[in-house]
Amino acid sequence: MRSSLTDRVPDRLDLAGLRDAYAAGLRPAAVVEAVLERIAARGADAVWISRFDAAALRAEAAAVEGRWGGGPRPPLYGVPFAVKDNIDVAGLPTTAACPAFGYDPMADATSVRRLREAGAIPVGKTNLDQFATGLNGGRSPYGAPESVFGGDLVSGGSSSGSAVAVAAGTVSFSLGTDTAGSGRVPAAMNGIVGLKPTRGLVSTAGVVPACRSLDCVSVFTTRLDDAAAVLDVLAAPDPADPWSRTGAPPPPTDGLRLLLAAPGALDHEGDTAYAAAFDAVARTAADRATAVGHVEPGPLLEAGDLLYGGPWVAERRAGLADFVDARPDAVLPVVRAILDGGARFDAVDAFRARHRLQELRAWTARLWERGDVLLLPTVPTTFTRAELAAEPVARNLVLGRFTQFANLLDLAAVAVPAGFTADGRPVGATLLGPAFTEGRLLSAAHELIEEAA
């Protein structure tokens, strides 16, 4: 039951609703109390690893109001958010879902600092697949969150807790990371927006690396406009991040040329209900586009296979080898097996894979001569937590089939909810484009998918 203090807090904590409520007299203190009540009401849902206590959150809300309450107010004034627990937040430990690895950061990650400077209020650190190695949300000693749609559906990972926290309405937005699809697969499984920016557009300083040359900080929201607003705050060069970079967005186009996979080219693991639901979304998007082309997705999938089947696994091991070698029993067996697998690759393997990747990047670059955005399902099918536990490696790879190639091919992506299967499971669709096309992708999602879902 809501307290009198929280009666005026919107049921949905989207940015526009909060902005209007603050303009009408709502105070950050009431929002913080509502967040605390909503988290308590959900109970032990395996979403959070650590949180600021009530006193700390109330103090943060008071500080935000004291600094900006009289106006003018920054873009994220009094907006509560969650942070994946491989991203540093001063005052809370960073564990990457491995308690023995945990440390107490002295400062916020650059991404968190920029959000706080824009008035946002960090609530706590969320659960993830250990060391961000997984796409299902079940590889954590802190438990396996369930999708907000129930039915024992996996939450998706690795940014499991971040996605569920937003989908459940406990925070307005959250930060995840995305190397293989960790910012998109959980969005699909929980019916929310997952924005994966171009590599380097958002600083990764203060982020525990998974695969350092490919890692991205991602954003989960309930609305496309909210994702754009959060990205506006986050996107900036950072001298503390050697991977930071900037680029010009593409010039405006007359119309929108849509690329789809060739008919019959997508493998949905025999899930005819999911295939039918996505086909309906694709048909609607095609009707709304200015022009439609078709592509064979084979080269994209080949690039994705390099992530776990090639020497980029060695890059994952490179960032954690000292810890894993010293404390092997502290790492979950399935994660340790993946990291140990990186030792089988040598420098010759790395160069061969890099050369092949360059060929695949060149092939991908030619796609954009024929189209502006590529529409694919975010995941081929869904799994329950029980099904994932029965085949943890093979089914995890299935979940990443249409996401793993994006960072290797230097693409931007936005995952959006796209309705439900006939039997009630969530369907996700992803729009992909070349680097620095986030604005175009968000606009295309509004135009092609949002109203079709």
Protein backbone atom coordinates (compact mmCIF):
# COMPACT_ATOMS: atom_id res chain seq x y z
CA MET A 1 0.00 0.00 0.00
CA ARG A 2 1.39 3.39 -0.96
CA SER A 3 2.19 5.91 1.75
CA SER A 4 0.78 9.44 1.59
CA LEU A 5 4.24 10.70 0.65
CA THR A 6 4.29 8.57 -2.50
CA ASP A 7 0.67 9.09 -3.63
CA ARG A 8 1.74 11.56 -6.32
CA VAL A 9 4.53 9.41 -7.74
CA PRO A 10 3.56 8.17 -11.23
CA ASP A 11 2.99 4.44 -11.58
CA ARG A 12 5.36 4.50 -14.53
CA LEU A 13 8.67 6.17 -13.75
CA ASP A 14 9.41 7.25 -17.31
CA LEU A 15 11.26 10.53 -17.74
CA ALA A 16 8.36 12.54 -19.18
CA GLY A 17 6.02 11.46 -16.39
CA LEU A 18 8.53 12.31 -13.70
CA ARG A 19 9.33 15.66 -15.31
CA ASP A 20 5.66 16.61 -15.33
CA ALA A 21 5.19 15.42 -11.76
CA TYR A 22 8.19 17.42 -10.54
CA ALA A 23 6.88 20.49 -12.33
CA ALA A 24 3.59 19.98 -10.46
CA GLY A 25 5.34 19.88 -7.08
CA LEU A 26 6.52 16.31 -6.58
CA ARG A 27 9.79 16.07 -4.66
CA PRO A 28 12.69 13.64 -5.13
CA ALA A 29 12.18 12.43 -1.56
CA ALA A 30 8.78 11.01 -2.52
CA VAL A 31 10.24 9.21 -5.53
CA VAL A 32 12.93 7.63 -3.38
CA GLU A 33 10.30 6.40 -0.93
CA ALA A 34 8.28 4.93 -3.80
CA VAL A 35 11.37 3.13 -5.10
CA LEU A 36 12.02 1.65 -1.65
CA GLU A 37 8.41 0.50 -1.38
CA ARG A 38 8.42 -1.10 -4.81
CA ILE A 39 11.65 -2.95 -4.21
CA ALA A 40 10.35 -4.23 -0.86
CA ALA A 41 7.10 -5.34 -2.47
CA ARG A 42 8.95 -7.55 -4.96
CA GLY A 43 10.83 -9.34 -2.20
CA ALA A 44 13.74 -11.67 -2.96
CA ASP A 45 13.71 -11.46 -6.76
CA ALA A 46 17.49 -11.86 -7.31
CA VAL A 47 17.61 -8.45 -9.03
CA TRP A 48 19.93 -6.60 -6.65
CA ILE A 49 23.40 -7.44 -5.40
CA SER A 50 23.77 -4.33 -3.24
CA ARG A 51 21.76 -1.16 -2.65
CA PHE A 52 22.12 2.13 -0.87
CA ASP A 53 20.15 2.01 2.35
CA ALA A 54 17.12 4.21 2.96
CA ALA A 55 19.11 6.85 4.81
CA ALA A 56 21.65 7.19 2.00
CA LEU A 57 18.94 7.41 -0.67
CA ARG A 58 17.05 10.03 1.30
CA ALA A 59 20.24 12.03 1.68
CA GLU A 60 20.89 11.78 -2.07
CA ALA A 61 17.37 12.96 -2.83
CA ALA A 62 17.80 15.89 -0.46
CA ALA A 63 21.12 16.79 -2.09
CA VAL A 64 19.55 16.75 -5.56
CA GLU A 65 16.69 18.95 -4.42
CA GLY A 66 19.04 21.26 -2.54
CA ARG A 67 21.23 21.76 -5.58
CA TRP A 68 18.59 22.08 -8.30
CA GLY A 69 15.14 22.17 -6.72
CA GLY A 70 14.78 25.90 -7.31
CA GLY A 71 15.65 25.47 -11.01
CA PRO A 72 16.81 25.41 -13.64
CA ARG A 73 16.83 21.64 -13.42
CA PRO A 74 19.14 19.23 -15.26
CA PRO A 75 17.72 16.67 -17.69
CA LEU A 76 17.64 13.75 -15.23
CA TYR A 77 16.58 15.67 -12.13
CA GLY A 78 15.47 13.23 -9.43
CA VAL A 79 15.40 10.22 -11.76
CA PRO A 80 16.19 6.90 -10.01
CA PHE A 81 18.41 4.44 -11.85
CA ALA A 82 20.16 1.11 -11.35
CA VAL A 83 23.69 0.07 -12.28
CA LYS A 84 24.94 -3.34 -13.36
CA ASP A 85 27.43 -4.62 -10.80
CA ASN A 86 30.40 -4.57 -13.12
CA ILE A 87 30.25 -0.76 -13.23
CA ASP A 88 31.72 1.22 -10.35
CA VAL A 89 29.50 3.23 -8.01
CA ALA A 90 31.29 4.92 -5.12
CA GLY A 91 29.92 3.69 -1.81
CA LEU A 92 28.93 0.24 -3.04
CA PRO A 93 31.18 -2.75 -3.80
CA THR A 94 31.79 -3.91 -7.35
CA THR A 95 31.62 -7.71 -7.52
CA ALA A 96 30.89 -8.61 -11.17
CA ALA A 97 28.78 -11.36 -9.50
CA CYS A 98 31.88 -12.95 -7.98
CA PRO A 99 32.07 -12.16 -4.24
CA ALA A 100 35.76 -13.05 -3.97
CA PHE A 101 36.56 -10.59 -6.75
CA GLY A 102 34.74 -7.73 -5.05
CA TYR A 103 36.38 -4.39 -4.34
CA ASP A 104 35.31 -0.97 -3.06
CA PRO A 105 35.74 1.66 -5.79
CA MET A 106 37.00 5.07 -4.75
CA ALA A 107 35.02 6.88 -7.44
CA ASP A 108 32.06 6.46 -9.76
CA ALA A 109 32.59 5.11 -13.25
CA THR A 110 32.53 7.94 -15.77
CA SER A 111 29.07 6.90 -16.96
CA VAL A 112 27.66 6.97 -13.43
CA ARG A 113 29.34 10.30 -12.67
CA ARG A 114 27.81 11.91 -15.73
CA LEU A 115 24.34 10.66 -14.78
CA ARG A 116 24.66 11.98 -11.24
CA GLU A 117 25.86 15.32 -12.57
CA ALA A 118 22.64 15.39 -14.63
CA GLY A 119 20.56 14.94 -11.46
CA ALA A 120 19.94 11.18 -11.51
CA ILE A 121 19.88 9.15 -8.28
CA PRO A 122 21.66 5.76 -8.21
CA VAL A 123 19.67 3.19 -6.23
CA GLY A 124 22.00 0.18 -6.25
CA LYS A 125 23.92 -2.50 -8.12
CA THR A 126 22.16 -5.21 -10.07
CA ASN A 127 22.74 -8.90 -10.68
CA LEU A 128 24.46 -10.26 -13.79
CA ASP A 129 25.94 -13.35 -15.32
CA GLN A 130 29.30 -13.62 -13.60
CA PHE A 131 31.97 -11.41 -15.22
CA ALA A 132 29.35 -10.53 -17.85
CA THR A 133 29.92 -13.97 -19.39
CA GLY A 134 26.53 -15.22 -20.50
CA LEU A 135 23.26 -14.13 -22.08
CA ASN A 136 20.72 -15.88 -19.86
CA GLY A 137 20.90 -14.37 -16.36
CA GLY A 138 21.44 -17.68 -14.58
CA ARG A 139 25.20 -17.65 -14.08
CA SER A 140 25.32 -15.87 -10.74
CA PRO A 141 25.83 -16.91 -7.12
CA TYR A 142 23.24 -14.25 -6.26
CA GLY A 143 20.43 -16.15 -7.98
CA ALA A 144 18.73 -16.16 -11.37
CA PRO A 145 16.10 -13.45 -11.91
CA GLU A 146 12.94 -14.45 -13.71
CA SER A 147 11.52 -12.44 -16.60
CA VAL A 148 8.79 -10.04 -15.49
CA PHE A 149 6.44 -12.08 -17.68
CA GLY A 150 6.80 -15.11 -15.39
CA GLY A 151 6.43 -18.66 -16.59
CA ASP A 152 9.99 -19.38 -15.40
CA LEU A 153 11.29 -17.51 -18.49
CA VAL A 154 14.93 -16.51 -18.23
CA SER A 155 15.52 -12.82 -17.65
CA GLY A 156 18.23 -12.73 -20.26
CA GLY A 157 21.77 -11.68 -19.47
CA SER A 158 24.28 -10.77 -18.71
CA SER A 159 22.54 -7.56 -17.62
CA SER A 160 19.74 -9.51 -15.96
CA GLY A 161 19.03 -7.42 -12.89
CA SER A 162 19.31 -4.14 -14.77
CA ALA A 163 16.60 -5.17 -17.21
CA VAL A 164 14.21 -6.57 -14.61
CA ALA A 165 14.61 -3.51 -12.37
CA VAL A 166 13.36 -1.30 -15.21
CA ALA A 167 10.67 -3.66 -16.49
CA ALA A 168 9.28 -4.10 -12.97
CA GLY A 169 8.94 -0.34 -12.54
CA THR A 170 11.34 0.01 -9.62
CA VAL A 171 13.63 2.49 -11.42
CA SER A 172 13.34 4.72 -14.47
CA PHE A 173 16.34 3.39 -16.35
CA SER A 174 19.42 1.32 -15.78
CA LEU A 175 22.93 0.82 -17.04
CA GLY A 176 24.03 -2.52 -18.40
CA THR A 177 26.95 -3.57 -20.50
CA ASP A 178 26.88 -5.21 -23.91
CA THR A 179 29.66 -7.27 -25.46
CA ALA A 180 27.72 -10.13 -27.05
CA GLY A 181 24.14 -8.93 -26.61
CA SER A 182 23.90 -8.35 -22.86
CA GLY A 183 22.12 -5.04 -23.36
CA ARG A 184 19.63 -6.44 -25.89
CA VAL A 185 18.73 -10.03 -24.96
CA PRO A 186 17.40 -9.00 -21.49
CA ALA A 187 15.39 -6.21 -23.15
CA ALA A 188 13.69 -8.78 -25.37
CA MET A 189 12.94 -11.09 -22.46
CA ASN A 190 11.40 -8.30 -20.37
CA GLY A 191 9.57 -6.17 -22.93
CA ILE A 192 11.67 -3.02 -22.68
CA VAL A 193 14.08 -0.95 -24.78
CA GLY A 194 17.76 -1.87 -24.84
CA LEU A 195 20.10 0.62 -26.51
CA LYS A 196 23.58 -0.61 -27.44
CA PRO A 197 25.59 2.42 -28.49
CA THR A 198 28.55 2.42 -30.84
CA ARG A 199 31.71 1.11 -29.21
CA GLY A 200 33.52 3.98 -27.51
CA LEU A 201 30.65 6.46 -27.65
CA VAL A 202 29.99 5.99 -23.92
CA SER A 203 33.01 5.73 -21.64
CA THR A 204 33.90 2.34 -20.19
CA ALA A 205 36.23 3.83 -17.57
CA GLY A 206 35.28 2.21 -14.28
CA VAL A 207 33.81 -0.90 -15.95
CA VAL A 208 35.17 -4.38 -15.21
CA PRO A 209 36.15 -5.59 -18.69
CA ALA A 210 34.59 -8.63 -20.28
CA CYS A 211 36.22 -8.29 -23.70
CA ARG A 212 37.86 -4.89 -23.51
CA SER A 213 38.02 -4.05 -27.22
CA LEU A 214 34.31 -4.82 -27.67
CA ASP A 215 32.65 -3.73 -24.41
CA CYS A 216 29.89 -1.10 -24.38
CA VAL A 217 27.88 0.51 -21.61
CA SER A 218 24.22 0.03 -22.56
CA VAL A 219 20.94 1.61 -21.47
CA PHE A 220 17.60 0.02 -20.51
CA THR A 221 14.41 2.11 -20.52
CA THR A 222 10.69 1.64 -21.03
CA ARG A 223 10.50 4.25 -23.80
CA LEU A 224 12.61 5.06 -26.84
CA ASP A 225 12.63 8.77 -25.99
CA ASP A 226 14.05 7.97 -22.56
CA ALA A 227 16.87 5.97 -24.12
CA ALA A 228 17.73 8.94 -26.33
CA ALA A 229 17.68 11.31 -23.35
CA VAL A 230 19.97 9.12 -21.24
CA LEU A 231 22.36 8.64 -24.16
CA ASP A 232 22.54 12.42 -24.60
CA VAL A 233 23.94 12.61 -21.09
CA LEU A 234 26.29 9.65 -21.42
CA ALA A 235 27.79 10.20 -24.87
CA ALA A 236 30.99 12.21 -24.56
CA PRO A 237 34.73 11.68 -25.08
CA ASP A 238 36.62 10.59 -21.99
CA PRO A 239 40.40 10.92 -21.68
CA ALA A 240 40.28 8.27 -18.93
CA ASP A 241 39.09 5.68 -21.46
CA PRO A 242 41.60 4.72 -24.17
CA TRP A 243 38.74 3.22 -26.22
CA SER A 244 36.71 6.42 -26.18
CA ARG A 245 35.92 7.90 -29.58
CA THR A 246 33.50 10.20 -31.36
CA GLY A 247 31.96 10.22 -34.81
CA ALA A 248 29.53 12.21 -36.87
CA PRO A 249 25.96 10.94 -37.21
CA PRO A 250 24.84 10.21 -40.76
CA PRO A 251 23.17 12.96 -42.78
CA PRO A 252 19.37 12.91 -42.89
CA THR A 253 17.85 10.70 -45.56
CA ASP A 254 14.73 11.05 -47.65
CA GLY A 255 12.73 8.08 -46.43
CA LEU A 256 13.92 4.94 -44.73
CA ARG A 257 15.36 1.94 -46.56
CA LEU A 258 14.81 -1.23 -44.55
CA LEU A 259 16.89 -4.39 -44.80
CA LEU A 260 15.41 -7.76 -43.80
CA ALA A 261 16.86 -11.24 -43.75
CA ALA A 262 16.10 -13.22 -46.87
CA PRO A 263 12.91 -15.32 -46.59
CA GLY A 264 13.55 -18.54 -44.72
CA ALA A 265 17.07 -17.51 -43.69
CA LEU A 266 16.45 -17.14 -39.95
CA ASP A 267 16.78 -20.17 -37.69
CA HIS A 268 14.29 -20.01 -34.83
CA GLU A 269 15.17 -23.44 -33.40
CA GLY A 270 11.85 -24.82 -34.57
CA ASP A 271 9.88 -22.23 -32.60
CA THR A 272 7.16 -21.59 -35.17
CA ALA A 273 5.17 -19.32 -32.84
CA TYR A 274 8.14 -17.00 -32.34
CA ALA A 275 8.94 -17.03 -36.08
CA ALA A 276 5.35 -16.16 -36.95
CA ALA A 277 5.22 -13.31 -34.45
CA PHE A 278 8.45 -11.79 -35.73
CA ASP A 279 7.38 -12.23 -39.36
CA ALA A 280 4.27 -10.18 -38.61
CA VAL A 281 6.40 -7.38 -37.16
CA ALA A 282 8.73 -7.51 -40.18
CA ARG A 283 5.78 -7.27 -42.60
CA THR A 284 4.40 -4.22 -40.84
CA ALA A 285 7.83 -2.56 -40.80
CA ALA A 286 8.25 -3.31 -44.50
CA ASP A 287 4.88 -1.71 -45.25
CA ARG A 288 6.01 1.47 -43.46
CA ALA A 289 9.49 1.68 -44.99
CA THR A 290 10.30 3.65 -48.11
CA ALA A 291 12.13 0.69 -49.65
CA VAL A 292 12.88 -2.88 -48.63
CA GLY A 293 15.85 -5.09 -49.45
CA HIS A 294 16.83 -8.58 -48.37
CA VAL A 295 20.18 -9.93 -47.20
CA GLU A 296 21.61 -13.33 -46.47
CA PRO A 297 22.62 -13.19 -42.78
CA GLY A 298 25.35 -15.85 -43.06
CA PRO A 299 28.32 -13.45 -42.90
CA LEU A 300 26.84 -11.71 -39.86
CA LEU A 301 26.40 -15.01 -38.06
CA GLU A 302 29.92 -16.07 -39.01
CA ALA A 303 31.27 -12.91 -37.40
CA GLY A 304 29.23 -13.62 -34.28
CA ASP A 305 30.66 -17.12 -34.04
CA LEU A 306 34.14 -15.61 -33.66
CA LEU A 307 33.21 -14.17 -30.29
CA TYR A 308 33.04 -17.46 -28.38
CA GLY A 309 34.50 -19.77 -31.02
CA GLY A 310 37.53 -17.63 -31.84
CA PRO A 311 40.41 -15.85 -30.11
CA TRP A 312 38.25 -13.13 -28.59
CA VAL A 313 37.73 -15.67 -25.81
CA ALA A 314 41.43 -15.18 -25.12
CA GLU A 315 40.75 -11.45 -24.69
CA ARG A 316 38.16 -12.32 -22.06
CA ARG A 317 40.75 -14.44 -20.29
CA ALA A 318 43.39 -11.71 -20.59
CA GLY A 319 41.44 -9.39 -18.32
CA LEU A 320 40.82 -11.97 -15.60
CA ALA A 321 43.63 -14.52 -15.87
CA ASP A 322 45.46 -13.46 -12.71
CA PHE A 323 42.33 -13.74 -10.59
CA VAL A 324 41.02 -16.94 -12.19
CA ASP A 325 44.41 -18.68 -11.91
CA ALA A 326 44.77 -17.63 -8.27
CA ARG A 327 41.17 -18.30 -7.21
CA PRO A 328 39.72 -20.87 -9.64
CA ASP A 329 37.21 -22.16 -7.09
CA ALA A 330 35.75 -18.65 -6.73
CA VAL A 331 34.53 -18.71 -10.33
CA LEU A 332 31.41 -20.58 -11.43
CA PRO A 333 32.40 -23.74 -13.34
CA VAL A 334 30.60 -22.77 -16.56
CA VAL A 335 32.26 -19.34 -16.56
CA ARG A 336 35.66 -20.75 -15.66
CA ALA A 337 35.42 -23.24 -18.53
CA ILE A 338 34.75 -20.41 -20.99
CA LEU A 339 37.64 -18.33 -19.68
CA ASP A 340 40.01 -21.28 -19.60
CA GLY A 341 39.08 -21.99 -23.20
CA GLY A 342 40.85 -18.80 -24.19
CA ALA A 343 44.20 -20.44 -23.48
CA ARG A 344 43.92 -22.65 -26.55
CA PHE A 345 44.38 -19.77 -29.01
CA ASP A 346 47.77 -18.44 -30.10
CA ALA A 347 48.88 -15.31 -31.95
CA VAL A 348 48.50 -16.98 -35.34
CA ASP A 349 44.87 -17.80 -34.52
CA ALA A 350 44.31 -14.20 -33.46
CA PHE A 351 45.68 -12.73 -36.68
CA ARG A 352 43.80 -15.19 -38.87
CA ALA A 353 40.55 -14.36 -37.12
CA ARG A 354 41.28 -10.64 -37.29
CA HIS A 355 41.88 -10.86 -41.03
CA ARG A 356 38.65 -12.77 -41.57
CA LEU A 357 36.78 -10.27 -39.43
CA GLN A 358 38.08 -7.45 -41.60
CA GLU A 359 36.64 -9.21 -44.66
CA LEU A 360 33.30 -9.58 -42.87
CA ARG A 361 33.37 -5.91 -41.87
CA ALA A 362 33.90 -4.94 -45.48
CA TRP A 363 30.95 -7.11 -46.51
CA THR A 364 28.82 -5.49 -43.82
CA ALA A 365 29.84 -1.97 -44.84
CA ARG A 366 28.45 -2.65 -48.31
CA LEU A 367 25.05 -3.44 -46.79
CA TRP A 368 24.53 0.22 -45.96
CA GLU A 369 24.78 1.14 -49.63
CA ARG A 370 21.45 -0.68 -50.03
CA GLY A 371 19.71 0.13 -46.77
CA ASP A 372 19.69 2.41 -43.75
CA VAL A 373 18.74 -0.07 -41.01
CA LEU A 374 18.65 -3.85 -40.64
CA LEU A 375 15.79 -5.49 -38.75
CA LEU A 376 16.32 -8.83 -37.03
CA PRO A 377 14.73 -10.68 -34.12
CA THR A 378 16.63 -9.95 -30.92
CA VAL A 379 16.56 -13.63 -29.97
CA PRO A 380 15.54 -16.66 -32.05
CA THR A 381 13.36 -18.15 -29.32
CA THR A 382 12.87 -18.14 -25.56
CA PHE A 383 13.90 -20.55 -22.80
CA THR A 384 12.81 -21.19 -19.27
CA ARG A 385 15.34 -21.20 -16.47
CA ALA A 386 14.91 -24.98 -16.23
CA GLU A 387 15.63 -25.41 -19.95
CA LEU A 388 18.70 -23.23 -19.71
CA ALA A 389 20.02 -25.17 -16.74
CA ALA A 390 19.63 -28.42 -18.70
CA GLU A 391 21.78 -27.15 -21.61
CA PRO A 392 23.59 -24.07 -20.30
CA VAL A 393 26.16 -23.60 -23.06
CA ALA A 394 24.26 -24.56 -26.22
CA ARG A 395 21.11 -22.63 -25.33
CA ASN A 396 23.09 -19.61 -24.23
CA LEU A 397 24.66 -19.53 -27.70
CA VAL A 398 21.21 -19.72 -29.26
CA LEU A 399 20.13 -16.61 -27.36
CA GLY A 400 23.09 -14.70 -28.82
CA ARG A 401 22.66 -15.84 -32.41
CA PHE A 402 21.39 -12.47 -33.67
CA THR A 403 23.32 -10.23 -31.27
CA GLN A 404 26.90 -11.52 -30.98
CA PHE A 405 28.18 -9.99 -34.21
CA ALA A 406 27.22 -6.35 -33.55
CA ASN A 407 30.29 -5.14 -31.67
CA LEU A 408 32.71 -7.19 -33.75
CA LEU A 409 31.28 -5.52 -36.87
CA ASP A 410 31.22 -2.05 -35.23
CA LEU A 411 27.45 -1.60 -35.35
CA ALA A 412 25.00 0.35 -33.23
CA ALA A 413 21.75 -1.32 -32.20
CA VAL A 414 18.47 -0.72 -30.42
CA ALA A 415 16.30 -3.60 -29.18
CA VAL A 416 12.60 -2.91 -28.76
CA PRO A 417 9.57 -4.87 -27.57
CA ALA A 418 7.60 -6.21 -30.51
CA GLY A 419 4.53 -7.86 -29.04
CA PHE A 420 3.95 -11.47 -28.03
CA THR A 421 3.77 -14.93 -29.50
CA ALA A 422 0.40 -16.60 -29.82
CA ASP A 423 1.18 -18.47 -26.59
CA GLY A 424 2.02 -15.28 -24.68
CA ARG A 425 5.82 -15.06 -24.71
CA PRO A 426 7.55 -11.71 -25.30
CA VAL A 427 8.97 -10.99 -28.74
CA GLY A 428 11.87 -8.62 -29.31
CA ALA A 429 13.11 -6.95 -32.48
CA THR A 430 16.42 -5.19 -33.06
CA LEU A 431 17.36 -2.48 -35.52
CA LEU A 432 21.04 -2.33 -36.43
CA GLY A 433 23.05 0.24 -38.34
CA PRO A 434 26.62 1.42 -38.82
CA ALA A 435 28.57 3.12 -36.07
CA PHE A 436 27.17 6.42 -34.74
CA THR A 437 23.65 5.90 -36.13
CA GLU A 438 21.90 5.76 -32.75
CA GLY A 439 19.63 8.68 -33.62
CA ARG A 440 18.55 7.09 -36.88
CA LEU A 441 17.91 3.74 -35.19
CA LEU A 442 15.78 5.26 -32.44
CA SER A 443 13.78 7.23 -34.99
CA ALA A 444 13.36 4.14 -37.16
CA ALA A 445 12.16 2.14 -34.16
CA HIS A 446 9.47 4.77 -33.54
CA GLU A 447 8.43 4.70 -37.17
CA LEU A 448 8.68 1.03 -38.04
CA ILE A 449 8.11 -1.01 -34.89
CA GLU A 450 6.80 0.84 -31.86
CA GLU A 451 3.17 1.12 -32.95
CA ALA A 452 3.24 -2.30 -34.60
CA ALA A 453 4.01 -4.14 -31.38
